[in-house]
């Protein structure tokens, strides 16, 4: 039995904070709020590495380990010291403290098989997607052709406005880099009639986190209203896929997504069912969307319909969800056992 103690101000943003993951992934693991009883103490935001003297409530005993358990590549790339390095050494007034970094780049925790990690954090993702994609799967290619011809909006972007050099962070040019500024530039280029841009920084729109149910609100707001929906992540990382691209398909839109070769989205997204903005100049994207919409042929609508059917199968069967939770549990055990087996100093 491995005893874990979350510390710091971001303990609500880590795998064990979510009831669905906690219910499936605690065999062989135990949580405690008493640091002196823990085998592993962990923080969940890289900026807390600089606050360890204030956050760490005890001096680590022999055998105790400190871990940064991060689920958010955006935090890792913008605030992290080096998100590609698993073993780091913190200099504190009481001497050096070794820390093991477990994130998307340094661990196997987020290397999903069927369903990306983010969709495991709340049961409503799989429940809602099962309903929404079963509904969408009843539509034929001809139905989708008629749909894209009649929707009122060309494109919608629901996202925070971020445009600052602070967000320009690149750690591995082809695989790990921030997309915050780029996706904002793309949304800025998509203006005028038929373009919807909402979110913090675009006007008076409140933060989505202030809504009682931001995910349901997004679906109801955009359902069958747009041809394209901005789904670009805040960070490009091979295994990082959030709810954004699934929401685009759910509302009946073509996702605008950005992914280099080797990104796992290529395993999930049928060619022809999304528009990859990689390598496109932001100013060219409005024209490319118009061209795509006007030249889309039967095979394109068939690919889109096939993607909807594929997603309906994925989220209507409990098997993939259970297998993914079991995979995550095995990965957590493996990574924590590896941490405890590592030498005390590195």
C-alpha atoms as a PDB file:
ATOM      1  CA  UNK A   1       0.000   0.000   0.000  1.00  0.00           C
ATOM      2  CA  UNK A   2       1.375   3.398  -1.056  1.00  0.00           C
ATOM      3  CA  UNK A   3       0.197   6.365   0.997  1.00  0.00           C
ATOM      4  CA  UNK A   4      -0.144   9.694  -0.822  1.00  0.00           C
ATOM      5  CA  UNK A   5      -0.632  13.191   0.542  1.00  0.00           C
ATOM      6  CA  UNK A   6      -1.657  16.068  -1.767  1.00  0.00           C
ATOM      7  CA  UNK A   7      -0.347  19.479  -0.664  1.00  0.00           C
ATOM      8  CA  UNK A   8      -0.492  22.995  -2.084  1.00  0.00           C
ATOM      9  CA  UNK A   9      -3.269  25.169  -3.481  1.00  0.00           C
ATOM     10  CA  UNK A  10      -3.960  23.094  -6.592  1.00  0.00           C
ATOM     11  CA  UNK A  11      -4.827  19.779  -4.988  1.00  0.00           C
ATOM     12  CA  UNK A  12      -8.255  20.018  -6.657  1.00  0.00           C
ATOM     13  CA  UNK A  13      -6.551  19.593 -10.047  1.00  0.00           C
ATOM     14  CA  UNK A  14      -4.965  16.138  -9.912  1.00  0.00           C
ATOM     15  CA  UNK A  15      -6.262  12.640 -10.713  1.00  0.00           C
ATOM     16  CA  UNK A  16      -7.403  11.711  -7.216  1.00  0.00           C
ATOM     17  CA  UNK A  17      -9.487  14.885  -6.897  1.00  0.00           C
ATOM     18  CA  UNK A  18     -12.064  13.456  -9.321  1.00  0.00           C
ATOM     19  CA  UNK A  19     -14.619  11.014  -7.875  1.00  0.00           C
ATOM     20  CA  UNK A  20     -14.757   8.819 -10.992  1.00  0.00           C
ATOM     21  CA  UNK A  21     -10.981   8.322 -11.078  1.00  0.00           C
ATOM     22  CA  UNK A  22     -10.743   7.947  -7.324  1.00  0.00           C
ATOM     23  CA  UNK A  23     -13.429   5.250  -7.337  1.00  0.00           C
ATOM     24  CA  UNK A  24     -11.525   3.157  -9.881  1.00  0.00           C
ATOM     25  CA  UNK A  25      -7.878   3.854  -9.119  1.00  0.00           C
ATOM     26  CA  UNK A  26      -7.308   3.455  -5.381  1.00  0.00           C
ATOM     27  CA  UNK A  27      -6.431  -0.252  -5.175  1.00  0.00           C
ATOM     28  CA  UNK A  28      -2.966  -0.378  -3.648  1.00  0.00           C
ATOM     29  CA  UNK A  29      -3.076   3.362  -2.945  1.00  0.00           C
ATOM     30  CA  UNK A  30      -4.265   5.398   0.022  1.00  0.00           C
ATOM     31  CA  UNK A  31      -4.784   9.125   0.489  1.00  0.00           C
ATOM     32  CA  UNK A  32      -4.024  10.940   3.712  1.00  0.00           C
ATOM     33  CA  UNK A  33      -4.118  14.549   4.860  1.00  0.00           C
ATOM     34  CA  UNK A  34      -1.322  13.873   7.349  1.00  0.00           C
ATOM     35  CA  UNK A  35       2.001  14.491   5.568  1.00  0.00           C
ATOM     36  CA  UNK A  36       4.045  12.658   8.192  1.00  0.00           C
ATOM     37  CA  UNK A  37       2.193   9.429   7.284  1.00  0.00           C
ATOM     38  CA  UNK A  38       2.756   9.683   3.535  1.00  0.00           C
ATOM     39  CA  UNK A  39       5.200   7.777   1.395  1.00  0.00           C
ATOM     40  CA  UNK A  40       4.768  10.409  -1.317  1.00  0.00           C
ATOM     41  CA  UNK A  41       3.776  14.061  -0.943  1.00  0.00           C
ATOM     42  CA  UNK A  42       2.742  15.770  -4.156  1.00  0.00           C
ATOM     43  CA  UNK A  43       1.943  19.192  -5.533  1.00  0.00           C
ATOM     44  CA  UNK A  44      -0.009  19.711  -8.754  1.00  0.00           C
ATOM     45  CA  UNK A  45       1.150  23.017 -10.272  1.00  0.00           C
ATOM     46  CA  UNK A  46       4.774  23.643 -11.338  1.00  0.00           C
ATOM     47  CA  UNK A  47       4.783  27.209 -10.033  1.00  0.00           C
ATOM     48  CA  UNK A  48       4.505  25.717  -6.547  1.00  0.00           C
ATOM     49  CA  UNK A  49       8.024  24.361  -6.940  1.00  0.00           C
ATOM     50  CA  UNK A  50       9.226  27.849  -6.051  1.00  0.00           C
ATOM     51  CA  UNK A  51       7.009  27.827  -2.974  1.00  0.00           C
ATOM     52  CA  UNK A  52       8.165  24.503  -1.529  1.00  0.00           C
ATOM     53  CA  UNK A  53       9.627  26.050   1.655  1.00  0.00           C
ATOM     54  CA  UNK A  54       6.172  27.465   2.419  1.00  0.00           C
ATOM     55  CA  UNK A  55       4.084  24.547   1.090  1.00  0.00           C
ATOM     56  CA  UNK A  56       6.028  21.570   2.387  1.00  0.00           C
ATOM     57  CA  UNK A  57       4.689  21.137   5.925  1.00  0.00           C
ATOM     58  CA  UNK A  58       7.423  18.772   7.122  1.00  0.00           C
ATOM     59  CA  UNK A  59      11.044  17.920   6.524  1.00  0.00           C
ATOM     60  CA  UNK A  60      11.031  14.831   4.347  1.00  0.00           C
ATOM     61  CA  UNK A  61      11.828  11.727   6.360  1.00  0.00           C
ATOM     62  CA  UNK A  62      14.136   9.030   4.968  1.00  0.00           C
ATOM     63  CA  UNK A  63      12.249   7.238   2.222  1.00  0.00           C
ATOM     64  CA  UNK A  64       9.639   9.952   1.754  1.00  0.00           C
ATOM     65  CA  UNK A  65       9.435  11.432  -1.745  1.00  0.00           C
ATOM     66  CA  UNK A  66       8.201  14.714  -3.210  1.00  0.00           C
ATOM     67  CA  UNK A  67       6.388  14.612  -6.566  1.00  0.00           C
ATOM     68  CA  UNK A  68       4.969  17.172  -8.971  1.00  0.00           C
ATOM     69  CA  UNK A  69       1.888  15.357 -10.295  1.00  0.00           C
ATOM     70  CA  UNK A  70       0.684  17.599 -13.110  1.00  0.00           C
ATOM     71  CA  UNK A  71      -2.269  16.943 -15.399  1.00  0.00           C
ATOM     72  CA  UNK A  72      -2.057  20.233 -17.298  1.00  0.00           C
ATOM     73  CA  UNK A  73       0.540  20.771 -20.082  1.00  0.00           C
ATOM     74  CA  UNK A  74      -0.390  24.464 -20.216  1.00  0.00           C
ATOM     75  CA  UNK A  75       0.893  24.903 -16.680  1.00  0.00           C
ATOM     76  CA  UNK A  76       3.954  22.763 -17.377  1.00  0.00           C
ATOM     77  CA  UNK A  77       5.053  24.693 -20.460  1.00  0.00           C
ATOM     78  CA  UNK A  78       4.310  28.225 -19.243  1.00  0.00           C
ATOM     79  CA  UNK A  79       5.260  27.930 -15.551  1.00  0.00           C
ATOM     80  CA  UNK A  80       7.379  24.786 -15.493  1.00  0.00           C
ATOM     81  CA  UNK A  81      11.145  24.863 -15.126  1.00  0.00           C
ATOM     82  CA  UNK A  82      11.649  22.028 -17.582  1.00  0.00           C
ATOM     83  CA  UNK A  83       8.588  19.864 -18.344  1.00  0.00           C
ATOM     84  CA  UNK A  84      10.764  17.354 -20.210  1.00  0.00           C
ATOM     85  CA  UNK A  85      12.965  16.534 -17.195  1.00  0.00           C
ATOM     86  CA  UNK A  86      11.640  13.944 -14.743  1.00  0.00           C
ATOM     87  CA  UNK A  87      14.226  14.426 -11.995  1.00  0.00           C
ATOM     88  CA  UNK A  88      14.767  17.929 -10.657  1.00  0.00           C
ATOM     89  CA  UNK A  89      16.541  19.324  -7.627  1.00  0.00           C
ATOM     90  CA  UNK A  90      15.093  22.233  -5.679  1.00  0.00           C
ATOM     91  CA  UNK A  91      17.368  24.523  -3.714  1.00  0.00           C
ATOM     92  CA  UNK A  92      15.757  25.527  -0.417  1.00  0.00           C
ATOM     93  CA  UNK A  93      17.037  27.284   2.734  1.00  0.00           C
ATOM     94  CA  UNK A  94      17.137  23.851   4.365  1.00  0.00           C
ATOM     95  CA  UNK A  95      19.168  22.315   1.549  1.00  0.00           C
ATOM     96  CA  UNK A  96      18.443  20.634  -1.771  1.00  0.00           C
ATOM     97  CA  UNK A  97      15.153  18.744  -2.143  1.00  0.00           C
ATOM     98  CA  UNK A  98      14.796  16.211  -4.985  1.00  0.00           C
ATOM     99  CA  UNK A  99      11.444  16.190  -6.788  1.00  0.00           C
ATOM    100  CA  UNK A 100      10.126  13.754  -9.381  1.00  0.00           C
ATOM    101  CA  UNK A 101       8.003  15.299 -12.121  1.00  0.00           C
ATOM    102  CA  UNK A 102       5.127  13.179 -13.419  1.00  0.00           C
ATOM    103  CA  UNK A 103       3.405  14.931 -16.304  1.00  0.00           C
ATOM    104  CA  UNK A 104       2.414  14.293 -19.919  1.00  0.00           C
ATOM    105  CA  UNK A 105       6.058  14.277 -21.038  1.00  0.00           C
ATOM    106  CA  UNK A 106       7.843  12.490 -18.197  1.00  0.00           C
ATOM    107  CA  UNK A 107       5.427   9.675 -17.340  1.00  0.00           C
ATOM    108  CA  UNK A 108       3.089   7.135 -18.903  1.00  0.00           C
ATOM    109  CA  UNK A 109       0.063   8.370 -16.959  1.00  0.00           C
ATOM    110  CA  UNK A 110      -1.540  10.169 -19.875  1.00  0.00           C
ATOM    111  CA  UNK A 111      -0.625   7.816 -22.716  1.00  0.00           C
ATOM    112  CA  UNK A 112      -4.207   6.772 -23.339  1.00  0.00           C
ATOM    113  CA  UNK A 113      -5.362   3.804 -25.377  1.00  0.00           C
ATOM    114  CA  UNK A 114      -8.927   4.733 -26.326  1.00  0.00           C
ATOM    115  CA  UNK A 115     -10.176   7.740 -24.342  1.00  0.00           C
ATOM    116  CA  UNK A 116      -7.952  10.739 -23.455  1.00  0.00           C
ATOM    117  CA  UNK A 117      -7.317  11.408 -19.783  1.00  0.00           C
ATOM    118  CA  UNK A 118      -9.309  14.641 -19.554  1.00  0.00           C
ATOM    119  CA  UNK A 119     -12.537  12.826 -20.406  1.00  0.00           C
ATOM    120  CA  UNK A 120     -12.018  10.560 -17.396  1.00  0.00           C
ATOM    121  CA  UNK A 121     -12.189  13.425 -14.929  1.00  0.00           C
ATOM    122  CA  UNK A 122     -15.993  13.668 -14.908  1.00  0.00           C
ATOM    123  CA  UNK A 123     -18.633  11.029 -15.610  1.00  0.00           C
ATOM    124  CA  UNK A 124     -20.736  13.547 -17.524  1.00  0.00           C
ATOM    125  CA  UNK A 125     -18.327  13.487 -20.474  1.00  0.00           C
ATOM    126  CA  UNK A 126     -18.935   9.838 -21.325  1.00  0.00           C
ATOM    127  CA  UNK A 127     -22.640  10.061 -20.432  1.00  0.00           C
ATOM    128  CA  UNK A 128     -23.316  13.120 -22.563  1.00  0.00           C
ATOM    129  CA  UNK A 129     -21.152  12.053 -25.464  1.00  0.00           C
ATOM    130  CA  UNK A 130     -22.940   8.711 -25.533  1.00  0.00           C
ATOM    131  CA  UNK A 131     -26.266  10.520 -25.933  1.00  0.00           C
ATOM    132  CA  UNK A 132     -25.064  13.219 -28.313  1.00  0.00           C
ATOM    133  CA  UNK A 133     -23.101  10.978 -30.648  1.00  0.00           C
ATOM    134  CA  UNK A 134     -25.858   8.368 -30.815  1.00  0.00           C
ATOM    135  CA  UNK A 135     -28.136  11.179 -31.924  1.00  0.00           C
ATOM    136  CA  UNK A 136     -25.623  12.388 -34.495  1.00  0.00           C
ATOM    137  CA  UNK A 137     -24.969   8.875 -35.774  1.00  0.00           C
ATOM    138  CA  UNK A 138     -28.546   8.647 -37.030  1.00  0.00           C
ATOM    139  CA  UNK A 139     -27.773  11.286 -39.646  1.00  0.00           C
ATOM    140  CA  UNK A 140     -26.634  10.208 -43.084  1.00  0.00           C
ATOM    141  CA  UNK A 141     -23.982  11.857 -45.242  1.00  0.00           C
ATOM    142  CA  UNK A 142     -26.805  13.583 -47.135  1.00  0.00           C
ATOM    143  CA  UNK A 143     -28.232  14.859 -43.846  1.00  0.00           C
ATOM    144  CA  UNK A 144     -24.855  16.353 -42.922  1.00  0.00           C
ATOM    145  CA  UNK A 145     -24.565  17.971 -46.348  1.00  0.00           C
ATOM    146  CA  UNK A 146     -27.912  19.683 -45.802  1.00  0.00           C
ATOM    147  CA  UNK A 147     -26.916  20.633 -42.262  1.00  0.00           C
ATOM    148  CA  UNK A 148     -23.680  22.345 -43.279  1.00  0.00           C
ATOM    149  CA  UNK A 149     -25.544  24.190 -46.022  1.00  0.00           C
ATOM    150  CA  UNK A 150     -28.099  25.724 -43.647  1.00  0.00           C
ATOM    151  CA  UNK A 151     -26.326  26.461 -40.326  1.00  0.00           C
ATOM    152  CA  UNK A 152     -26.289  30.193 -39.486  1.00  0.00           C
ATOM    153  CA  UNK A 153     -22.642  30.525 -38.420  1.00  0.00           C
ATOM    154  CA  UNK A 154     -19.494  29.852 -40.403  1.00  0.00           C
ATOM    155  CA  UNK A 155     -17.322  29.439 -37.291  1.00  0.00           C
ATOM    156  CA  UNK A 156     -17.418  29.842 -33.537  1.00  0.00           C
ATOM    157  CA  UNK A 157     -14.610  30.290 -31.023  1.00  0.00           C
ATOM    158  CA  UNK A 158     -15.318  29.871 -27.316  1.00  0.00           C
ATOM    159  CA  UNK A 159     -11.981  30.441 -25.649  1.00  0.00           C
ATOM    160  CA  UNK A 160      -9.983  32.815 -23.486  1.00  0.00           C
ATOM    161  CA  UNK A 161      -8.222  35.670 -25.295  1.00  0.00           C
ATOM    162  CA  UNK A 162      -4.506  35.208 -24.653  1.00  0.00           C
ATOM    163  CA  UNK A 163      -1.992  37.173 -26.669  1.00  0.00           C
ATOM    164  CA  UNK A 164       1.246  37.860 -24.810  1.00  0.00           C
ATOM    165  CA  UNK A 165       4.903  36.837 -25.234  1.00  0.00           C
ATOM    166  CA  UNK A 166       4.582  35.246 -21.801  1.00  0.00           C
ATOM    167  CA  UNK A 167       2.633  32.414 -23.434  1.00  0.00           C
ATOM    168  CA  UNK A 168       5.250  31.697 -26.104  1.00  0.00           C
ATOM    169  CA  UNK A 169       6.829  28.547 -24.730  1.00  0.00           C
ATOM    170  CA  UNK A 170       8.518  25.827 -26.769  1.00  0.00           C
ATOM    171  CA  UNK A 171      10.339  22.838 -25.294  1.00  0.00           C
ATOM    172  CA  UNK A 172      10.354  20.377 -28.183  1.00  0.00           C
ATOM    173  CA  UNK A 173       9.683  22.177 -31.436  1.00  0.00           C
ATOM    174  CA  UNK A 174       7.686  19.436 -33.135  1.00  0.00           C
ATOM    175  CA  UNK A 175       5.868  18.047 -30.108  1.00  0.00           C
ATOM    176  CA  UNK A 176       5.673  20.317 -27.036  1.00  0.00           C
ATOM    177  CA  UNK A 177       4.824  24.002 -27.388  1.00  0.00           C
ATOM    178  CA  UNK A 178       2.201  26.538 -26.389  1.00  0.00           C
ATOM    179  CA  UNK A 179      -0.689  27.287 -28.735  1.00  0.00           C
ATOM    180  CA  UNK A 180      -2.295  30.064 -26.682  1.00  0.00           C
ATOM    181  CA  UNK A 181      -1.124  32.976 -28.819  1.00  0.00           C
ATOM    182  CA  UNK A 182      -1.601  31.135 -32.091  1.00  0.00           C
ATOM    183  CA  UNK A 183      -5.179  30.085 -31.454  1.00  0.00           C
ATOM    184  CA  UNK A 184      -6.000  33.639 -30.377  1.00  0.00           C
ATOM    185  CA  UNK A 185      -4.461  34.961 -33.601  1.00  0.00           C
ATOM    186  CA  UNK A 186      -6.571  32.494 -35.595  1.00  0.00           C
ATOM    187  CA  UNK A 187      -9.756  33.607 -33.823  1.00  0.00           C
ATOM    188  CA  UNK A 188      -8.827  37.271 -34.362  1.00  0.00           C
ATOM    189  CA  UNK A 189      -8.484  36.600 -38.076  1.00  0.00           C
ATOM    190  CA  UNK A 190     -11.989  35.123 -38.172  1.00  0.00           C
ATOM    191  CA  UNK A 191     -14.132  38.228 -37.825  1.00  0.00           C
ATOM    192  CA  UNK A 192     -17.182  39.643 -39.487  1.00  0.00           C
ATOM    193  CA  UNK A 193     -20.619  38.190 -40.296  1.00  0.00           C
ATOM    194  CA  UNK A 194     -21.047  34.536 -39.458  1.00  0.00           C
ATOM    195  CA  UNK A 195     -18.168  34.516 -36.969  1.00  0.00           C
ATOM    196  CA  UNK A 196     -18.752  34.125 -33.231  1.00  0.00           C
ATOM    197  CA  UNK A 197     -16.011  34.795 -30.675  1.00  0.00           C
ATOM    198  CA  UNK A 198     -16.763  34.548 -26.982  1.00  0.00           C
ATOM    199  CA  UNK A 199     -14.845  34.026 -23.773  1.00  0.00           C
ATOM    200  CA  UNK A 200     -12.800  35.975 -21.261  1.00  0.00           C
ATOM    201  CA  UNK A 201     -11.073  38.872 -23.013  1.00  0.00           C
ATOM    202  CA  UNK A 202     -13.349  38.993 -26.067  1.00  0.00           C
ATOM    203  CA  UNK A 203     -15.932  41.247 -24.447  1.00  0.00           C
ATOM    204  CA  UNK A 204     -18.139  41.093 -21.403  1.00  0.00           C
ATOM    205  CA  UNK A 205     -18.438  37.305 -21.400  1.00  0.00           C
ATOM    206  CA  UNK A 206     -17.859  35.924 -17.888  1.00  0.00           C
ATOM    207  CA  UNK A 207     -15.367  33.092 -17.366  1.00  0.00           C
ATOM    208  CA  UNK A 208     -16.953  29.770 -18.253  1.00  0.00           C
ATOM    209  CA  UNK A 209     -15.900  28.449 -14.833  1.00  0.00           C
ATOM    210  CA  UNK A 210     -18.479  30.797 -13.284  1.00  0.00           C
ATOM    211  CA  UNK A 211     -21.329  28.964 -15.024  1.00  0.00           C
ATOM    212  CA  UNK A 212     -23.176  26.217 -13.139  1.00  0.00           C
ATOM    213  CA  UNK A 213     -22.392  23.769 -15.977  1.00  0.00           C
ATOM    214  CA  UNK A 214     -20.057  25.255 -18.589  1.00  0.00           C
ATOM    215  CA  UNK A 215     -19.927  22.056 -20.646  1.00  0.00           C
ATOM    216  CA  UNK A 216     -23.692  21.724 -21.058  1.00  0.00           C
ATOM    217  CA  UNK A 217     -23.987  25.467 -21.650  1.00  0.00           C
ATOM    218  CA  UNK A 218     -21.471  25.220 -24.485  1.00  0.00           C
ATOM    219  CA  UNK A 219     -23.426  22.421 -26.144  1.00  0.00           C
ATOM    220  CA  UNK A 220     -26.788  24.190 -25.846  1.00  0.00           C
ATOM    221  CA  UNK A 221     -25.285  27.452 -27.091  1.00  0.00           C
ATOM    222  CA  UNK A 222     -23.687  25.992 -30.218  1.00  0.00           C
ATOM    223  CA  UNK A 223     -25.742  22.901 -31.023  1.00  0.00           C
ATOM    224  CA  UNK A 224     -26.212  22.716 -34.816  1.00  0.00           C
ATOM    225  CA  UNK A 225     -25.366  26.409 -35.230  1.00  0.00           C
ATOM    226  CA  UNK A 226     -21.928  26.452 -36.896  1.00  0.00           C
ATOM    227  CA  UNK A 227     -19.940  24.759 -39.681  1.00  0.00           C
ATOM    228  CA  UNK A 228     -16.614  25.021 -37.864  1.00  0.00           C
ATOM    229  CA  UNK A 229     -15.787  25.191 -34.180  1.00  0.00           C
ATOM    230  CA  UNK A 230     -12.415  26.244 -32.795  1.00  0.00           C
ATOM    231  CA  UNK A 231     -11.042  23.273 -30.847  1.00  0.00           C
ATOM    232  CA  UNK A 232      -7.323  24.066 -30.774  1.00  0.00           C
ATOM    233  CA  UNK A 233      -5.699  23.144 -27.459  1.00  0.00           C
ATOM    234  CA  UNK A 234      -3.780  25.640 -25.354  1.00  0.00           C
ATOM    235  CA  UNK A 235      -0.743  23.352 -25.673  1.00  0.00           C
ATOM    236  CA  UNK A 236       0.520  20.957 -28.325  1.00  0.00           C
ATOM    237  CA  UNK A 237       1.635  17.740 -26.657  1.00  0.00           C
ATOM    238  CA  UNK A 238       1.440  14.303 -28.261  1.00  0.00           C
ATOM    239  CA  UNK A 239      -0.945  12.741 -25.733  1.00  0.00           C
ATOM    240  CA  UNK A 240      -2.864  15.842 -24.653  1.00  0.00           C
ATOM    241  CA  UNK A 241      -6.404  15.966 -26.016  1.00  0.00           C
ATOM    242  CA  UNK A 242      -9.127  17.720 -24.039  1.00  0.00           C
ATOM    243  CA  UNK A 243     -12.884  17.837 -24.568  1.00  0.00           C
ATOM    244  CA  UNK A 244     -12.648  20.552 -27.235  1.00  0.00           C
ATOM    245  CA  UNK A 245     -12.507  18.435 -30.387  1.00  0.00           C
ATOM    246  CA  UNK A 246     -15.226  16.088 -29.090  1.00  0.00           C
ATOM    247  CA  UNK A 247     -17.470  19.070 -28.343  1.00  0.00           C
ATOM    248  CA  UNK A 248     -17.075  20.261 -31.925  1.00  0.00           C
ATOM    249  CA  UNK A 249     -18.275  16.939 -33.321  1.00  0.00           C
ATOM    250  CA  UNK A 250     -21.025  16.779 -30.678  1.00  0.00           C
ATOM    251  CA  UNK A 251     -22.595  20.076 -31.793  1.00  0.00           C
ATOM    252  CA  UNK A 252     -22.363  19.005 -35.426  1.00  0.00           C
ATOM    253  CA  UNK A 253     -19.411  21.189 -36.421  1.00  0.00           C
ATOM    254  CA  UNK A 254     -16.114  20.485 -38.155  1.00  0.00           C
ATOM    255  CA  UNK A 255     -13.360  20.902 -35.566  1.00  0.00           C
ATOM    256  CA  UNK A 256     -10.543  23.357 -36.213  1.00  0.00           C
ATOM    257  CA  UNK A 257      -7.644  21.587 -34.525  1.00  0.00           C
ATOM    258  CA  UNK A 258      -3.868  21.817 -34.709  1.00  0.00           C
ATOM    259  CA  UNK A 259      -1.671  18.728 -34.627  1.00  0.00           C
ATOM    260  CA  UNK A 260       1.731  17.815 -35.996  1.00  0.00           C
ATOM    261  CA  UNK A 261       2.392  14.316 -37.372  1.00  0.00           C
ATOM    262  CA  UNK A 262       2.558  11.802 -34.543  1.00  0.00           C
ATOM    263  CA  UNK A 263      -0.020  13.591 -32.401  1.00  0.00           C
ATOM    264  CA  UNK A 264      -2.527  11.121 -30.972  1.00  0.00           C
ATOM    265  CA  UNK A 265      -5.481  13.029 -32.408  1.00  0.00           C
ATOM    266  CA  UNK A 266      -4.625  11.343 -35.711  1.00  0.00           C
ATOM    267  CA  UNK A 267      -5.651   8.054 -34.075  1.00  0.00           C
ATOM    268  CA  UNK A 268      -9.024   9.454 -33.004  1.00  0.00           C
ATOM    269  CA  UNK A 269     -10.058  11.717 -35.867  1.00  0.00           C
ATOM    270  CA  UNK A 270     -11.010  10.188 -39.192  1.00  0.00           C
ATOM    271  CA  UNK A 271      -9.405  12.085 -42.108  1.00  0.00           C
ATOM    272  CA  UNK A 272     -11.954  14.427 -43.611  1.00  0.00           C
ATOM    273  CA  UNK A 273     -13.854  14.916 -40.347  1.00  0.00           C
ATOM    274  CA  UNK A 274     -11.711  17.828 -39.108  1.00  0.00           C
ATOM    275  CA  UNK A 275      -9.577  20.687 -40.396  1.00  0.00           C
ATOM    276  CA  UNK A 276      -5.950  20.659 -39.285  1.00  0.00           C
ATOM    277  CA  UNK A 277      -4.638  24.238 -39.051  1.00  0.00           C
ATOM    278  CA  UNK A 278      -1.009  23.162 -38.688  1.00  0.00           C
ATOM    279  CA  UNK A 279       1.174  25.247 -40.973  1.00  0.00           C
ATOM    280  CA  UNK A 280      -1.623  27.634 -41.968  1.00  0.00           C
ATOM    281  CA  UNK A 281      -1.239  31.384 -41.659  1.00  0.00           C
ATOM    282  CA  UNK A 282      -4.028  32.729 -39.417  1.00  0.00           C
ATOM    283  CA  UNK A 283      -5.054  35.271 -42.073  1.00  0.00           C
ATOM    284  CA  UNK A 284      -5.616  32.454 -44.584  1.00  0.00           C
ATOM    285  CA  UNK A 285      -7.896  30.361 -42.399  1.00  0.00           C
ATOM    286  CA  UNK A 286     -11.193  32.213 -43.087  1.00  0.00           C
ATOM    287  CA  UNK A 287     -10.696  31.633 -46.808  1.00  0.00           C
ATOM    288  CA  UNK A 288      -9.663  28.006 -46.245  1.00  0.00           C
ATOM    289  CA  UNK A 289     -12.839  27.397 -44.211  1.00  0.00           C
ATOM    290  CA  UNK A 290     -14.975  28.913 -46.958  1.00  0.00           C
ATOM    291  CA  UNK A 291     -13.197  26.863 -49.603  1.00  0.00           C
ATOM    292  CA  UNK A 292     -13.544  23.689 -47.540  1.00  0.00           C
ATOM    293  CA  UNK A 293     -17.253  24.256 -46.969  1.00  0.00           C
ATOM    294  CA  UNK A 294     -18.021  25.023 -50.601  1.00  0.00           C
ATOM    295  CA  UNK A 295     -15.944  22.232 -52.160  1.00  0.00           C
ATOM    296  CA  UNK A 296     -16.784  19.471 -49.664  1.00  0.00           C
ATOM    297  CA  UNK A 297     -17.941  16.497 -51.700  1.00  0.00           C
ATOM    298  CA  UNK A 298     -19.858  13.322 -50.935  1.00  0.00           C
ATOM    299  CA  UNK A 299     -16.807  11.522 -49.554  1.00  0.00           C
ATOM    300  CA  UNK A 300     -16.250  14.373 -47.104  1.00  0.00           C
ATOM    301  CA  UNK A 301     -19.773  14.112 -45.726  1.00  0.00           C
ATOM    302  CA  UNK A 302     -19.407  10.338 -45.595  1.00  0.00           C
ATOM    303  CA  UNK A 303     -16.189  10.702 -43.581  1.00  0.00           C
ATOM    304  CA  UNK A 304     -17.947  13.059 -41.188  1.00  0.00           C
ATOM    305  CA  UNK A 305     -20.885  10.675 -40.768  1.00  0.00           C
ATOM    306  CA  UNK A 306     -18.467   7.772 -40.216  1.00  0.00           C
ATOM    307  CA  UNK A 307     -16.671   9.752 -37.493  1.00  0.00           C
ATOM    308  CA  UNK A 308     -19.966  10.362 -35.706  1.00  0.00           C
ATOM    309  CA  UNK A 309     -20.758   6.632 -35.851  1.00  0.00           C
ATOM    310  CA  UNK A 310     -17.288   5.805 -34.552  1.00  0.00           C
ATOM    311  CA  UNK A 311     -17.715   8.150 -31.588  1.00  0.00           C
ATOM    312  CA  UNK A 312     -21.188   6.785 -30.862  1.00  0.00           C
ATOM    313  CA  UNK A 313     -19.693   3.309 -30.557  1.00  0.00           C
ATOM    314  CA  UNK A 314     -16.832   4.547 -28.381  1.00  0.00           C
ATOM    315  CA  UNK A 315     -19.026   6.322 -25.828  1.00  0.00           C
ATOM    316  CA  UNK A 316     -22.072   4.045 -25.859  1.00  0.00           C
ATOM    317  CA  UNK A 317     -20.092   1.014 -24.738  1.00  0.00           C
ATOM    318  CA  UNK A 318     -18.841   1.142 -21.109  1.00  0.00           C
ATOM    319  CA  UNK A 319     -15.940  -1.134 -22.032  1.00  0.00           C
ATOM    320  CA  UNK A 320     -13.540   1.530 -23.356  1.00  0.00           C
ATOM    321  CA  UNK A 321     -14.117   3.765 -20.322  1.00  0.00           C
ATOM    322  CA  UNK A 322     -13.492   0.930 -17.873  1.00  0.00           C
ATOM    323  CA  UNK A 323     -10.412  -0.225 -19.757  1.00  0.00           C
ATOM    324  CA  UNK A 324      -9.037   3.320 -19.779  1.00  0.00           C
ATOM    325  CA  UNK A 325      -9.583   3.740 -16.052  1.00  0.00           C
ATOM    326  CA  UNK A 326      -7.869   0.389 -15.462  1.00  0.00           C
ATOM    327  CA  UNK A 327      -4.961   1.521 -17.655  1.00  0.00           C
ATOM    328  CA  UNK A 328      -4.657   4.739 -15.642  1.00  0.00           C
ATOM    329  CA  UNK A 329      -4.720   2.814 -12.372  1.00  0.00           C
ATOM    330  CA  UNK A 330      -1.937   0.493 -13.543  1.00  0.00           C
ATOM    331  CA  UNK A 331       0.105   3.494 -14.719  1.00  0.00           C
ATOM    332  CA  UNK A 332      -0.311   5.287 -11.386  1.00  0.00           C
ATOM    333  CA  UNK A 333       0.860   2.217  -9.468  1.00  0.00           C
ATOM    334  CA  UNK A 334       3.800   1.742 -11.820  1.00  0.00           C
ATOM    335  CA  UNK A 335       4.916   5.371 -11.643  1.00  0.00           C
ATOM    336  CA  UNK A 336       4.596   5.666  -7.860  1.00  0.00           C
ATOM    337  CA  UNK A 337       6.457   2.406  -7.288  1.00  0.00           C
ATOM    338  CA  UNK A 338       9.208   3.707  -9.582  1.00  0.00           C
ATOM    339  CA  UNK A 339       9.386   6.946  -7.573  1.00  0.00           C
ATOM    340  CA  UNK A 340       9.784   5.054  -4.314  1.00  0.00           C
ATOM    341  CA  UNK A 341      12.495   2.846  -5.823  1.00  0.00           C
ATOM    342  CA  UNK A 342      14.570   5.845  -6.910  1.00  0.00           C
ATOM    343  CA  UNK A 343      17.599   6.799  -4.767  1.00  0.00           C
ATOM    344  CA  UNK A 344      17.064   9.530  -2.211  1.00  0.00           C
ATOM    345  CA  UNK A 345      19.459  11.945  -3.940  1.00  0.00           C
ATOM    346  CA  UNK A 346      20.089  12.411  -7.635  1.00  0.00           C
END
